[in-house]
Amino acid sequence: MKFTKTVFYSILVSVLYGLLAQAIARSDAFREVFLVMSIGFVFVFPISLGFFTVYTAPSEKQKSFLYQLFAPWGVSFLSMFLAMLIGWEGTICLVLALPIYLICSSIGGVIAGIWVKVFQKSNPVFFTLGLFGLAPFLIGFLESPFPLPTENREVLTSITIQSTPEVVWKNITRIPKITEKQEGFFYFMGFPRPVEATLSHDGIGGVRDAVFEKGLVFYETINIWEENKKLGFKIRVDPNSTPITTLDSHVTVGGRYFDALYGEYEIEPLNENSLVLHLKSEYRLSTRFNVYAGIWSDYLMRDIQENILRVLKFRIESKNNQ
């Protein structure tokens, strides 16, 4: 793509629109009216970004189907990256939103190409840009009175461990400080790693404090205590006690959109020295696009659980071989 001054100004105008729209939506005056986690700002906003990118481009670029498809990608990524630098978004939200932004911005670019071809002579520039620029706010305003759809989801992970139920039980009720290597996609993206888990007392009613990095704590009240078999607990997180820099506001545990509800370990013996350790979790998801968000939130929970199971397996089997 030949990068002329006109193309540069087109991209600049589009990025500035993206930043201005986000700034307005996140301002105190409009925060409760225009939810950033809404159809208007997750789906319609990138369409508007793509439209701006192509509509303000030189005429020869407007007619190029490849430009309509791919030029909006650069504007979308740049807008999201700048929002992250400003502190509006975190790495996790950027990664989760990027596929939607790329697809929807391309749709916006194609719409702009069609619009120019059909309506250019009959619609003033300011009317057209105003129409598409205000579209995310209009859709966001129309959907704001409706409650967020809520669903409870469940994630189950398992691992085979060469040990006995008695040994595994001692390692899951309380987890001493984790010094082992921890790996996972979301940890790379900045999600806090688990540190340790303490238990106030054995049996039903005991409170397990599962401590993660950056001040994140899950308070787990035991409601199932079947020694050497099953450990279940209700989970409570106080989002107000979690430092504001710990997580993106959109994925804050215990917040408007996401909350952990329940966890359960179950030991399934295979033979005298082998068993399967199952880890199940239940959580609440509340967005207007739970189908898409559920894919990522399931992945997040599975990522966390598999990491914990790997640490437990390594610890237990290492002790067995000593």
Foldseek 3Di string as FASTA:
>chain_A
DDDDPQLVVLLVVLLVLLQVVVCVCVDPVNVLQFPCQACLNLQLSLLLSLLSNLLSHPPVLLQDLVSLQPVSLVSLLVSVVVCVVVPQFALVVCVLSSVNSNVSSSVSSVVNSVCCVPCVVPDDPVVVNVVSSCRSSVRSNVCSVDFFDKDKDKAKDKDKAQAALQLLLVCPVWPAFDPDDFDFDVVVRQAWAWTIWDWPDDDAQIWIWTDTPQQWTWTWGWDDHDRSFKTKTFTDGDLVRGPPPNHNQCDRAPDDAKHWTMKMWGWADDDRGMIMIMIMTMMMGTGNCCVSVVVVVNSVVVRNVVRVVVSSRVVSVVVVVD
